[in-house]
Amino acid sequence: LDMIFMPDSGMFTLSKDEELEAERKNDISVVPLATPIIAGPGAM
């Protein structure tokens, strides 16, 4: 339902905390990229 009605929010976007963490870290490969973006709750 999130994909159908709100494609610009939810599973394929980052929360504000995740955005801040991504900006602070040079290596984003683990968080938030590997999880929760790729291997998120839905995929698991």
ModelCIF file with pLDDT and N, C-alpha, C, O atoms, coordinates in Angstrom:
data_MODEL
#
_entry.id   MODEL 
#
_entity.id                         1 
_entity.type                       polymer 
_entity.pdbx_number_of_molecules   1 
#
_entity_poly.entity_id                      1 
_entity_poly.type                           'polypeptide(L)' 
_entity_poly.nstd_linkage                   no 
_entity_poly.nstd_monomer                   no 
_entity_poly.pdbx_seq_one_letter_code       LDMIFMPDSGMFTLSKDEELEAERKNDISVVPLATPIIAGPGAM 
_entity_poly.pdbx_seq_one_letter_code_can   LDMIFMPDSGMFTLSKDEELEAERKNDISVVPLATPIIAGPGAM 
_entity_poly.pdbx_strand_id                 A 
#
loop_
_entity_poly_seq.entity_id 
_entity_poly_seq.num 
_entity_poly_seq.mon_id 
_entity_poly_seq.hetero 
1 1  LEU n 
1 2  ASP n 
1 3  MET n 
1 4  ILE n 
1 5  PHE n 
1 6  MET n 
1 7  PRO n 
1 8  ASP n 
1 9  SER n 
1 10 GLY n 
1 11 MET n 
1 12 PHE n 
1 13 THR n 
1 14 LEU n 
1 15 SER n 
1 16 LYS n 
1 17 ASP n 
1 18 GLU n 
1 19 GLU n 
1 20 LEU n 
1 21 GLU n 
1 22 ALA n 
1 23 GLU n 
1 24 ARG n 
1 25 LYS n 
1 26 ASN n 
1 27 ASP n 
1 28 ILE n 
1 29 SER n 
1 30 VAL n 
1 31 VAL n 
1 32 PRO n 
1 33 LEU n 
1 34 ALA n 
1 35 THR n 
1 36 PRO n 
1 37 ILE n 
1 38 ILE n 
1 39 ALA n 
1 40 GLY n 
1 41 PRO n 
1 42 GLY n 
1 43 ALA n 
1 44 MET n 
#
_struct_asym.id          A 
_struct_asym.entity_id   1 
#
loop_
_ma_qa_metric.id 
_ma_qa_metric.mode 
_ma_qa_metric.name 
_ma_qa_metric.software_group_id 
_ma_qa_metric.type 
1 global pLDDT . pLDDT 
2 local  pLDDT . pLDDT 
#
_ma_qa_metric_global.metric_id      1 
_ma_qa_metric_global.metric_value   70.80 
_ma_qa_metric_global.model_id       1 
_ma_qa_metric_global.ordinal_id     1 
#
loop_
_ma_qa_metric_local.label_asym_id 
_ma_qa_metric_local.label_comp_id 
_ma_qa_metric_local.label_seq_id 
_ma_qa_metric_local.metric_id 
_ma_qa_metric_local.metric_value 
_ma_qa_metric_local.model_id 
_ma_qa_metric_local.ordinal_id 
A LEU 1  2 87.00 1 1  
A ASP 2  2 82.00 1 2  
A MET 3  2 75.00 1 3  
A ILE 4  2 85.00 1 4  
A PHE 5  2 84.00 1 5  
A MET 6  2 66.00 1 6  
A PRO 7  2 53.00 1 7  
A ASP 8  2 57.00 1 8  
A SER 9  2 52.00 1 9  
A GLY 10 2 50.00 1 10 
A MET 11 2 52.00 1 11 
A PHE 12 2 51.00 1 12 
A THR 13 2 57.00 1 13 
A LEU 14 2 54.00 1 14 
A SER 15 2 58.00 1 15 
A LYS 16 2 61.00 1 16 
A ASP 17 2 62.00 1 17 
A GLU 18 2 56.00 1 18 
A GLU 19 2 57.00 1 19 
A LEU 20 2 57.00 1 20 
A GLU 21 2 55.00 1 21 
A ALA 22 2 52.00 1 22 
A GLU 23 2 52.00 1 23 
A ARG 24 2 51.00 1 24 
A LYS 25 2 52.00 1 25 
A ASN 26 2 58.00 1 26 
A ASP 27 2 72.00 1 27 
A ILE 28 2 86.00 1 28 
A SER 29 2 91.00 1 29 
A VAL 30 2 90.00 1 30 
A VAL 31 2 82.00 1 31 
A PRO 32 2 82.00 1 32 
A LEU 33 2 88.00 1 33 
A ALA 34 2 93.00 1 34 
A THR 35 2 88.00 1 35 
A PRO 36 2 80.00 1 36 
A ILE 37 2 84.00 1 37 
A ILE 38 2 92.00 1 38 
A ALA 39 2 91.00 1 39 
A GLY 40 2 82.00 1 40 
A PRO 41 2 78.00 1 41 
A GLY 42 2 81.00 1 42 
A ALA 43 2 90.00 1 43 
A MET 44 2 89.00 1 44 
#
loop_
_atom_site.group_PDB 
_atom_site.id 
_atom_site.type_symbol 
_atom_site.label_atom_id 
_atom_site.label_alt_id 
_atom_site.label_comp_id 
_atom_site.label_asym_id 
_atom_site.label_entity_id 
_atom_site.label_seq_id 
_atom_site.pdbx_PDB_ins_code 
_atom_site.Cartn_x 
_atom_site.Cartn_y 
_atom_site.Cartn_z 
_atom_site.occupancy 
_atom_site.B_iso_or_equiv 
_atom_site.pdbx_formal_charge 
_atom_site.auth_seq_id 
_atom_site.auth_comp_id 
_atom_site.auth_asym_id 
_atom_site.auth_atom_id 
_atom_site.pdbx_PDB_model_num 
ATOM 1   N N  . LEU A 1 1  ? 0.836  -1.204  0.000  1.00 87.00 ? 1  LEU A N  1 
ATOM 2   C CA . LEU A 1 1  ? 0.000  0.000   0.000  1.00 87.00 ? 1  LEU A CA 1 
ATOM 3   C C  . LEU A 1 1  ? 0.869  1.251   0.000  1.00 87.00 ? 1  LEU A C  1 
ATOM 4   O O  . LEU A 1 1  ? 0.536  2.246   -0.644 1.00 87.00 ? 1  LEU A O  1 
ATOM 5   N N  . ASP A 1 2  ? 1.980  1.196   0.723  1.00 82.00 ? 2  ASP A N  1 
ATOM 6   C CA . ASP A 1 2  ? 2.911  2.320   0.738  1.00 82.00 ? 2  ASP A CA 1 
ATOM 7   C C  . ASP A 1 2  ? 3.497  2.552   -0.650 1.00 82.00 ? 2  ASP A C  1 
ATOM 8   O O  . ASP A 1 2  ? 3.662  3.694   -1.079 1.00 82.00 ? 2  ASP A O  1 
ATOM 9   N N  . MET A 1 3  ? 3.811  1.457   -1.352 1.00 75.00 ? 3  MET A N  1 
ATOM 10  C CA . MET A 1 3  ? 4.362  1.560   -2.699 1.00 75.00 ? 3  MET A CA 1 
ATOM 11  C C  . MET A 1 3  ? 3.337  2.128   -3.672 1.00 75.00 ? 3  MET A C  1 
ATOM 12  O O  . MET A 1 3  ? 3.690  2.894   -4.569 1.00 75.00 ? 3  MET A O  1 
ATOM 13  N N  . ILE A 1 4  ? 2.070  1.757   -3.501 1.00 85.00 ? 4  ILE A N  1 
ATOM 14  C CA . ILE A 1 4  ? 1.034  2.177   -4.440 1.00 85.00 ? 4  ILE A CA 1 
ATOM 15  C C  . ILE A 1 4  ? 0.619  3.632   -4.234 1.00 85.00 ? 4  ILE A C  1 
ATOM 16  O O  . ILE A 1 4  ? 0.505  4.395   -5.193 1.00 85.00 ? 4  ILE A O  1 
ATOM 17  N N  . PHE A 1 5  ? 0.396  4.009   -2.978 1.00 84.00 ? 5  PHE A N  1 
ATOM 18  C CA . PHE A 1 5  ? -0.173 5.331   -2.698 1.00 84.00 ? 5  PHE A CA 1 
ATOM 19  C C  . PHE A 1 5  ? 0.832  6.374   -2.267 1.00 84.00 ? 5  PHE A C  1 
ATOM 20  O O  . PHE A 1 5  ? 0.577  7.571   -2.405 1.00 84.00 ? 5  PHE A O  1 
ATOM 21  N N  . MET A 1 6  ? 2.001  5.934   -1.734 1.00 66.00 ? 6  MET A N  1 
ATOM 22  C CA . MET A 1 6  ? 3.006  6.892   -1.286 1.00 66.00 ? 6  MET A CA 1 
ATOM 23  C C  . MET A 1 6  ? 4.398  6.448   -1.722 1.00 66.00 ? 6  MET A C  1 
ATOM 24  O O  . MET A 1 6  ? 5.234  6.126   -0.879 1.00 66.00 ? 6  MET A O  1 
ATOM 25  N N  . PRO A 1 7  ? 4.656  6.427   -3.033 1.00 53.00 ? 7  PRO A N  1 
ATOM 26  C CA . PRO A 1 7  ? 5.933  5.910   -3.521 1.00 53.00 ? 7  PRO A CA 1 
ATOM 27  C C  . PRO A 1 7  ? 7.135  6.740   -3.101 1.00 53.00 ? 7  PRO A C  1 
ATOM 28  O O  . PRO A 1 7  ? 8.265  6.256   -3.163 1.00 53.00 ? 7  PRO A O  1 
ATOM 29  N N  . ASP A 1 8  ? 6.917  7.979   -2.676 1.00 57.00 ? 8  ASP A N  1 
ATOM 30  C CA . ASP A 1 8  ? 8.036  8.817   -2.281 1.00 57.00 ? 8  ASP A CA 1 
ATOM 31  C C  . ASP A 1 8  ? 8.288  8.788   -0.786 1.00 57.00 ? 8  ASP A C  1 
ATOM 32  O O  . ASP A 1 8  ? 9.075  9.583   -0.273 1.00 57.00 ? 8  ASP A O  1 
ATOM 33  N N  . SER A 1 9  ? 7.624  7.876   -0.080 1.00 52.00 ? 9  SER A N  1 
ATOM 34  C CA . SER A 1 9  ? 7.860  7.760   1.350  1.00 52.00 ? 9  SER A CA 1 
ATOM 35  C C  . SER A 1 9  ? 7.869  6.301   1.735  1.00 52.00 ? 9  SER A C  1 
ATOM 36  O O  . SER A 1 9  ? 7.433  5.445   0.966  1.00 52.00 ? 9  SER A O  1 
ATOM 37  N N  . GLY A 1 10 ? 8.371  6.012   2.939  1.00 50.00 ? 10 GLY A N  1 
ATOM 38  C CA . GLY A 1 10 ? 8.314  4.644   3.425  1.00 50.00 ? 10 GLY A CA 1 
ATOM 39  C C  . GLY A 1 10 ? 9.543  3.839   3.118  1.00 50.00 ? 10 GLY A C  1 
ATOM 40  O O  . GLY A 1 10 ? 10.652 4.261   3.445  1.00 50.00 ? 10 GLY A O  1 
ATOM 41  N N  . MET A 1 11 ? 9.378  2.657   2.480  1.00 52.00 ? 11 MET A N  1 
ATOM 42  C CA . MET A 1 11 ? 10.445 1.681   2.403  1.00 52.00 ? 11 MET A CA 1 
ATOM 43  C C  . MET A 1 11 ? 11.592 2.112   1.509  1.00 52.00 ? 11 MET A C  1 
ATOM 44  O O  . MET A 1 11 ? 12.705 1.614   1.677  1.00 52.00 ? 11 MET A O  1 
ATOM 45  N N  . PHE A 1 12 ? 11.365 3.033   0.549  1.00 51.00 ? 12 PHE A N  1 
ATOM 46  C CA . PHE A 1 12 ? 12.446 3.429   -0.337 1.00 51.00 ? 12 PHE A CA 1 
ATOM 47  C C  . PHE A 1 12 ? 12.965 4.826   -0.025 1.00 51.00 ? 12 PHE A C  1 
ATOM 48  O O  . PHE A 1 12 ? 13.642 5.434   -0.855 1.00 51.00 ? 12 PHE A O  1 
ATOM 49  N N  . THR A 1 13 ? 12.658 5.335   1.149  1.00 57.00 ? 13 THR A N  1 
ATOM 50  C CA . THR A 1 13 ? 13.189 6.614   1.583  1.00 57.00 ? 13 THR A CA 1 
ATOM 51  C C  . THR A 1 13 ? 13.762 6.451   2.980  1.00 57.00 ? 13 THR A C  1 
ATOM 52  O O  . THR A 1 13 ? 13.520 5.448   3.650  1.00 57.00 ? 13 THR A O  1 
ATOM 53  N N  . LEU A 1 14 ? 14.524 7.448   3.411  1.00 54.00 ? 14 LEU A N  1 
ATOM 54  C CA . LEU A 1 14 ? 15.173 7.400   4.703  1.00 54.00 ? 14 LEU A CA 1 
ATOM 55  C C  . LEU A 1 14 ? 14.469 8.302   5.688  1.00 54.00 ? 14 LEU A C  1 
ATOM 56  O O  . LEU A 1 14 ? 13.924 9.345   5.326  1.00 54.00 ? 14 LEU A O  1 
ATOM 57  N N  . SER A 1 15 ? 14.491 7.880   6.951  1.00 58.00 ? 15 SER A N  1 
ATOM 58  C CA . SER A 1 15 ? 13.991 8.761   7.999  1.00 58.00 ? 15 SER A CA 1 
ATOM 59  C C  . SER A 1 15 ? 15.011 9.867   8.227  1.00 58.00 ? 15 SER A C  1 
ATOM 60  O O  . SER A 1 15 ? 16.133 9.787   7.729  1.00 58.00 ? 15 SER A O  1 
ATOM 61  N N  . LYS A 1 16 ? 14.632 10.900  8.976  1.00 61.00 ? 16 LYS A N  1 
ATOM 62  C CA . LYS A 1 16 ? 15.549 11.999  9.242  1.00 61.00 ? 16 LYS A CA 1 
ATOM 63  C C  . LYS A 1 16 ? 16.784 11.514  9.986  1.00 61.00 ? 16 LYS A C  1 
ATOM 64  O O  . LYS A 1 16 ? 17.896 11.960  9.701  1.00 61.00 ? 16 LYS A O  1 
ATOM 65  N N  . ASP A 1 17 ? 16.598 10.597  10.944 1.00 62.00 ? 17 ASP A N  1 
ATOM 66  C CA . ASP A 1 17 ? 17.738 10.055  11.685 1.00 62.00 ? 17 ASP A CA 1 
ATOM 67  C C  . ASP A 1 17 ? 18.680 9.290   10.763 1.00 62.00 ? 17 ASP A C  1 
ATOM 68  O O  . ASP A 1 17 ? 19.900 9.398   10.887 1.00 62.00 ? 17 ASP A O  1 
ATOM 69  N N  . GLU A 1 18 ? 18.110 8.513   9.834  1.00 56.00 ? 18 GLU A N  1 
ATOM 70  C CA . GLU A 1 18 ? 18.943 7.751   8.897  1.00 56.00 ? 18 GLU A CA 1 
ATOM 71  C C  . GLU A 1 18 ? 19.681 8.685   7.949  1.00 56.00 ? 18 GLU A C  1 
ATOM 72  O O  . GLU A 1 18 ? 20.834 8.426   7.601  1.00 56.00 ? 18 GLU A O  1 
ATOM 73  N N  . GLU A 1 19 ? 19.034 9.767   7.526  1.00 57.00 ? 19 GLU A N  1 
ATOM 74  C CA . GLU A 1 19 ? 19.697 10.734  6.657  1.00 57.00 ? 19 GLU A CA 1 
ATOM 75  C C  . GLU A 1 19 ? 20.874 11.392  7.377  1.00 57.00 ? 19 GLU A C  1 
ATOM 76  O O  . GLU A 1 19 ? 21.947 11.566  6.799  1.00 57.00 ? 19 GLU A O  1 
ATOM 77  N N  . LEU A 1 20 ? 20.661 11.755  8.645  1.00 57.00 ? 20 LEU A N  1 
ATOM 78  C CA . LEU A 1 20 ? 21.735 12.381  9.415  1.00 57.00 ? 20 LEU A CA 1 
ATOM 79  C C  . LEU A 1 20 ? 22.893 11.417  9.614  1.00 57.00 ? 20 LEU A C  1 
ATOM 80  O O  . LEU A 1 20 ? 24.057 11.806  9.526  1.00 57.00 ? 20 LEU A O  1 
ATOM 81  N N  . GLU A 1 21 ? 22.565 10.148  9.884  1.00 55.00 ? 21 GLU A N  1 
ATOM 82  C CA . GLU A 1 21 ? 23.624 9.155   10.075 1.00 55.00 ? 21 GLU A CA 1 
ATOM 83  C C  . GLU A 1 21 ? 24.400 8.933   8.785  1.00 55.00 ? 21 GLU A C  1 
ATOM 84  O O  . GLU A 1 21 ? 25.622 8.792   8.802  1.00 55.00 ? 21 GLU A O  1 
ATOM 85  N N  . ALA A 1 22 ? 23.687 8.902   7.671  1.00 52.00 ? 22 ALA A N  1 
ATOM 86  C CA . ALA A 1 22 ? 24.354 8.715   6.378  1.00 52.00 ? 22 ALA A CA 1 
ATOM 87  C C  . ALA A 1 22 ? 25.276 9.880   6.064  1.00 52.00 ? 22 ALA A C  1 
ATOM 88  O O  . ALA A 1 22 ? 26.344 9.692   5.482  1.00 52.00 ? 22 ALA A O  1 
ATOM 89  N N  . GLU A 1 23 ? 24.864 11.095  6.449  1.00 52.00 ? 23 GLU A N  1 
ATOM 90  C CA . GLU A 1 23 ? 25.689 12.263  6.195  1.00 52.00 ? 23 GLU A CA 1 
ATOM 91  C C  . GLU A 1 23 ? 26.942 12.259  7.070  1.00 52.00 ? 23 GLU A C  1 
ATOM 92  O O  . GLU A 1 23 ? 28.004 12.712  6.643  1.00 52.00 ? 23 GLU A O  1 
ATOM 93  N N  . ARG A 1 24 ? 26.813 11.743  8.305  1.00 51.00 ? 24 ARG A N  1 
ATOM 94  C CA . ARG A 1 24 ? 27.949 11.749  9.228  1.00 51.00 ? 24 ARG A CA 1 
ATOM 95  C C  . ARG A 1 24 ? 28.967 10.671  8.887  1.00 51.00 ? 24 ARG A C  1 
ATOM 96  O O  . ARG A 1 24 ? 30.158 10.837  9.149  1.00 51.00 ? 24 ARG A O  1 
ATOM 97  N N  . LYS A 1 25 ? 28.514 9.582   8.312  1.00 52.00 ? 25 LYS A N  1 
ATOM 98  C CA . LYS A 1 25 ? 29.391 8.444   8.067  1.00 52.00 ? 25 LYS A CA 1 
ATOM 99  C C  . LYS A 1 25 ? 29.906 8.447   6.634  1.00 52.00 ? 25 LYS A C  1 
ATOM 100 O O  . LYS A 1 25 ? 29.174 8.722   5.683  1.00 52.00 ? 25 LYS A O  1 
ATOM 101 N N  . ASN A 1 26 ? 31.208 8.127   6.514  1.00 58.00 ? 26 ASN A N  1 
ATOM 102 C CA . ASN A 1 26 ? 31.768 7.970   5.176  1.00 58.00 ? 26 ASN A CA 1 
ATOM 103 C C  . ASN A 1 26 ? 31.362 6.638   4.575  1.00 58.00 ? 26 ASN A C  1 
ATOM 104 O O  . ASN A 1 26 ? 31.205 6.519   3.360  1.00 58.00 ? 26 ASN A O  1 
ATOM 105 N N  . ASP A 1 27 ? 31.191 5.631   5.429  1.00 72.00 ? 27 ASP A N  1 
ATOM 106 C CA . ASP A 1 27 ? 30.812 4.305   4.970  1.00 72.00 ? 27 ASP A CA 1 
ATOM 107 C C  . ASP A 1 27 ? 29.345 4.063   5.304  1.00 72.00 ? 27 ASP A C  1 
ATOM 108 O O  . ASP A 1 27 ? 28.985 3.844   6.460  1.00 72.00 ? 27 ASP A O  1 
ATOM 109 N N  . ILE A 1 28 ? 28.511 4.105   4.278  1.00 86.00 ? 28 ILE A N  1 
ATOM 110 C CA . ILE A 1 28 ? 27.073 3.897   4.478  1.00 86.00 ? 28 ILE A CA 1 
ATOM 111 C C  . ILE A 1 28 ? 26.672 2.497   4.039  1.00 86.00 ? 28 ILE A C  1 
ATOM 112 O O  . ILE A 1 28 ? 25.484 2.197   3.925  1.00 86.00 ? 28 ILE A O  1 
ATOM 113 N N  . SER A 1 29 ? 27.658 1.635   3.790  1.00 91.00 ? 29 SER A N  1 
ATOM 114 C CA . SER A 1 29 ? 27.360 0.325   3.214  1.00 91.00 ? 29 SER A CA 1 
ATOM 115 C C  . SER A 1 29 ? 26.548 -0.568  4.150  1.00 91.00 ? 29 SER A C  1 
ATOM 116 O O  . SER A 1 29 ? 25.732 -1.368  3.692  1.00 91.00 ? 29 SER A O  1 
ATOM 117 N N  . VAL A 1 30 ? 26.769 -0.433  5.463  1.00 90.00 ? 30 VAL A N  1 
ATOM 118 C CA . VAL A 1 30 ? 26.045 -1.284  6.406  1.00 90.00 ? 30 VAL A CA 1 
ATOM 119 C C  . VAL A 1 30 ? 24.705 -0.654  6.749  1.00 90.00 ? 30 VAL A C  1 
ATOM 120 O O  . VAL A 1 30 ? 23.651 -1.217  6.455  1.00 90.00 ? 30 VAL A O  1 
ATOM 121 N N  . VAL A 1 31 ? 24.753 0.525   7.377  1.00 82.00 ? 31 VAL A N  1 
ATOM 122 C CA . VAL A 1 31 ? 23.554 1.286   7.732  1.00 82.00 ? 31 VAL A CA 1 
ATOM 123 C C  . VAL A 1 31 ? 23.666 2.654   7.096  1.00 82.00 ? 31 VAL A C  1 
ATOM 124 O O  . VAL A 1 31 ? 24.662 3.340   7.326  1.00 82.00 ? 31 VAL A O  1 
ATOM 125 N N  . PRO A 1 32 ? 22.707 3.080   6.319  1.00 82.00 ? 32 PRO A N  1 
ATOM 126 C CA . PRO A 1 32 ? 21.394 2.453   6.118  1.00 82.00 ? 32 PRO A CA 1 
ATOM 127 C C  . PRO A 1 32 ? 21.269 1.622   4.852  1.00 82.00 ? 32 PRO A C  1 
ATOM 128 O O  . PRO A 1 32 ? 20.167 1.185   4.523  1.00 82.00 ? 32 PRO A O  1 
ATOM 129 N N  . LEU A 1 33 ? 22.381 1.383   4.116  1.00 88.00 ? 33 LEU A N  1 
ATOM 130 C CA . LEU A 1 33 ? 22.251 0.789   2.785  1.00 88.00 ? 33 LEU A CA 1 
ATOM 131 C C  . LEU A 1 33 ? 21.922 -0.710  2.832  1.00 88.00 ? 33 LEU A C  1 
ATOM 132 O O  . LEU A 1 33 ? 20.887 -1.134  2.319  1.00 88.00 ? 33 LEU A O  1 
ATOM 133 N N  . ALA A 1 34 ? 22.811 -1.517  3.455  1.00 93.00 ? 34 ALA A N  1 
ATOM 134 C CA . ALA A 1 34 ? 22.560 -2.963  3.499  1.00 93.00 ? 34 ALA A CA 1 
ATOM 135 C C  . ALA A 1 34 ? 21.249 -3.263  4.212  1.00 93.00 ? 34 ALA A C  1 
ATOM 136 O O  . ALA A 1 34 ? 20.441 -4.072  3.756  1.00 93.00 ? 34 ALA A O  1 
ATOM 137 N N  . THR A 1 35 ? 21.061 -2.596  5.332  1.00 88.00 ? 35 THR A N  1 
ATOM 138 C CA . THR A 1 35 ? 19.814 -2.675  6.075  1.00 88.00 ? 35 THR A CA 1 
ATOM 139 C C  . THR A 1 35 ? 19.566 -1.337  6.747  1.00 88.00 ? 35 THR A C  1 
ATOM 140 O O  . THR A 1 35 ? 20.472 -0.837  7.414  1.00 88.00 ? 35 THR A O  1 
ATOM 141 N N  . PRO A 1 36 ? 18.409 -0.735  6.616  1.00 80.00 ? 36 PRO A N  1 
ATOM 142 C CA . PRO A 1 36 ? 17.153 -1.360  6.195  1.00 80.00 ? 36 PRO A CA 1 
ATOM 143 C C  . PRO A 1 36 ? 16.776 -1.136  4.736  1.00 80.00 ? 36 PRO A C  1 
ATOM 144 O O  . PRO A 1 36 ? 15.686 -1.542  4.333  1.00 80.00 ? 36 PRO A O  1 
ATOM 145 N N  . ILE A 1 37 ? 17.639 -0.501  3.916  1.00 84.00 ? 37 ILE A N  1 
ATOM 146 C CA . ILE A 1 37 ? 17.217 -0.177  2.552  1.00 84.00 ? 37 ILE A CA 1 
ATOM 147 C C  . ILE A 1 37 ? 17.098 -1.438  1.683  1.00 84.00 ? 37 ILE A C  1 
ATOM 148 O O  . ILE A 1 37 ? 16.063 -1.663  1.055  1.00 84.00 ? 37 ILE A O  1 
ATOM 149 N N  . ILE A 1 38 ? 18.163 -2.261  1.649  1.00 92.00 ? 38 ILE A N  1 
ATOM 150 C CA . ILE A 1 38 ? 18.124 -3.452  0.792  1.00 92.00 ? 38 ILE A CA 1 
ATOM 151 C C  . ILE A 1 38 ? 17.436 -4.607  1.515  1.00 92.00 ? 38 ILE A C  1 
ATOM 152 O O  . ILE A 1 38 ? 16.388 -5.084  1.079  1.00 92.00 ? 38 ILE A O  1 
ATOM 153 N N  . ALA A 1 39 ? 18.023 -5.047  2.609  1.00 91.00 ? 39 ALA A N  1 
ATOM 154 C CA . ALA A 1 39 ? 17.441 -6.145  3.392  1.00 91.00 ? 39 ALA A CA 1 
ATOM 155 C C  . ALA A 1 39 ? 16.603 -5.562  4.522  1.00 91.00 ? 39 ALA A C  1 
ATOM 156 O O  . ALA A 1 39 ? 17.013 -5.565  5.683  1.00 91.00 ? 39 ALA A O  1 
ATOM 157 N N  . GLY A 1 40 ? 15.447 -5.072  4.173  1.00 82.00 ? 40 GLY A N  1 
ATOM 158 C CA . GLY A 1 40 ? 14.545 -4.491  5.150  1.00 82.00 ? 40 GLY A CA 1 
ATOM 159 C C  . GLY A 1 40 ? 13.595 -5.536  5.716  1.00 82.00 ? 40 GLY A C  1 
ATOM 160 O O  . GLY A 1 40 ? 13.676 -6.709  5.350  1.00 82.00 ? 40 GLY A O  1 
ATOM 161 N N  . PRO A 1 41 ? 12.694 -5.124  6.605  1.00 78.00 ? 41 PRO A N  1 
ATOM 162 C CA . PRO A 1 41 ? 11.735 -6.065  7.199  1.00 78.00 ? 41 PRO A CA 1 
ATOM 163 C C  . PRO A 1 41 ? 10.889 -6.791  6.162  1.00 78.00 ? 41 PRO A C  1 
ATOM 164 O O  . PRO A 1 41 ? 10.607 -7.980  6.309  1.00 78.00 ? 41 PRO A O  1 
ATOM 165 N N  . GLY A 1 42 ? 10.484 -6.078  5.111  1.00 81.00 ? 42 GLY A N  1 
ATOM 166 C CA . GLY A 1 42 ? 9.664  -6.708  4.079  1.00 81.00 ? 42 GLY A CA 1 
ATOM 167 C C  . GLY A 1 42 ? 10.395 -7.823  3.364  1.00 81.00 ? 42 GLY A C  1 
ATOM 168 O O  . GLY A 1 42 ? 9.835  -8.896  3.140  1.00 81.00 ? 42 GLY A O  1 
ATOM 169 N N  . ALA A 1 43 ? 11.661 -7.572  2.999  1.00 90.00 ? 43 ALA A N  1 
ATOM 170 C CA . ALA A 1 43 ? 12.449 -8.590  2.309  1.00 90.00 ? 43 ALA A CA 1 
ATOM 171 C C  . ALA A 1 43 ? 12.728 -9.773  3.224  1.00 90.00 ? 43 ALA A C  1 
ATOM 172 O O  . ALA A 1 43 ? 12.651 -10.924 2.793  1.00 90.00 ? 43 ALA A O  1 
ATOM 173 N N  . MET A 1 44 ? 13.057 -9.496  4.502  1.00 89.00 ? 44 MET A N  1 
ATOM 174 C CA . MET A 1 44 ? 13.313 -10.582 5.451  1.00 89.00 ? 44 MET A CA 1 
ATOM 175 C C  . MET A 1 44 ? 12.064 -11.441 5.652  1.00 89.00 ? 44 MET A C  1 
ATOM 176 O O  . MET A 1 44 ? 12.093 -12.404 6.418  1.00 89.00 ? 44 MET A O  1 
#
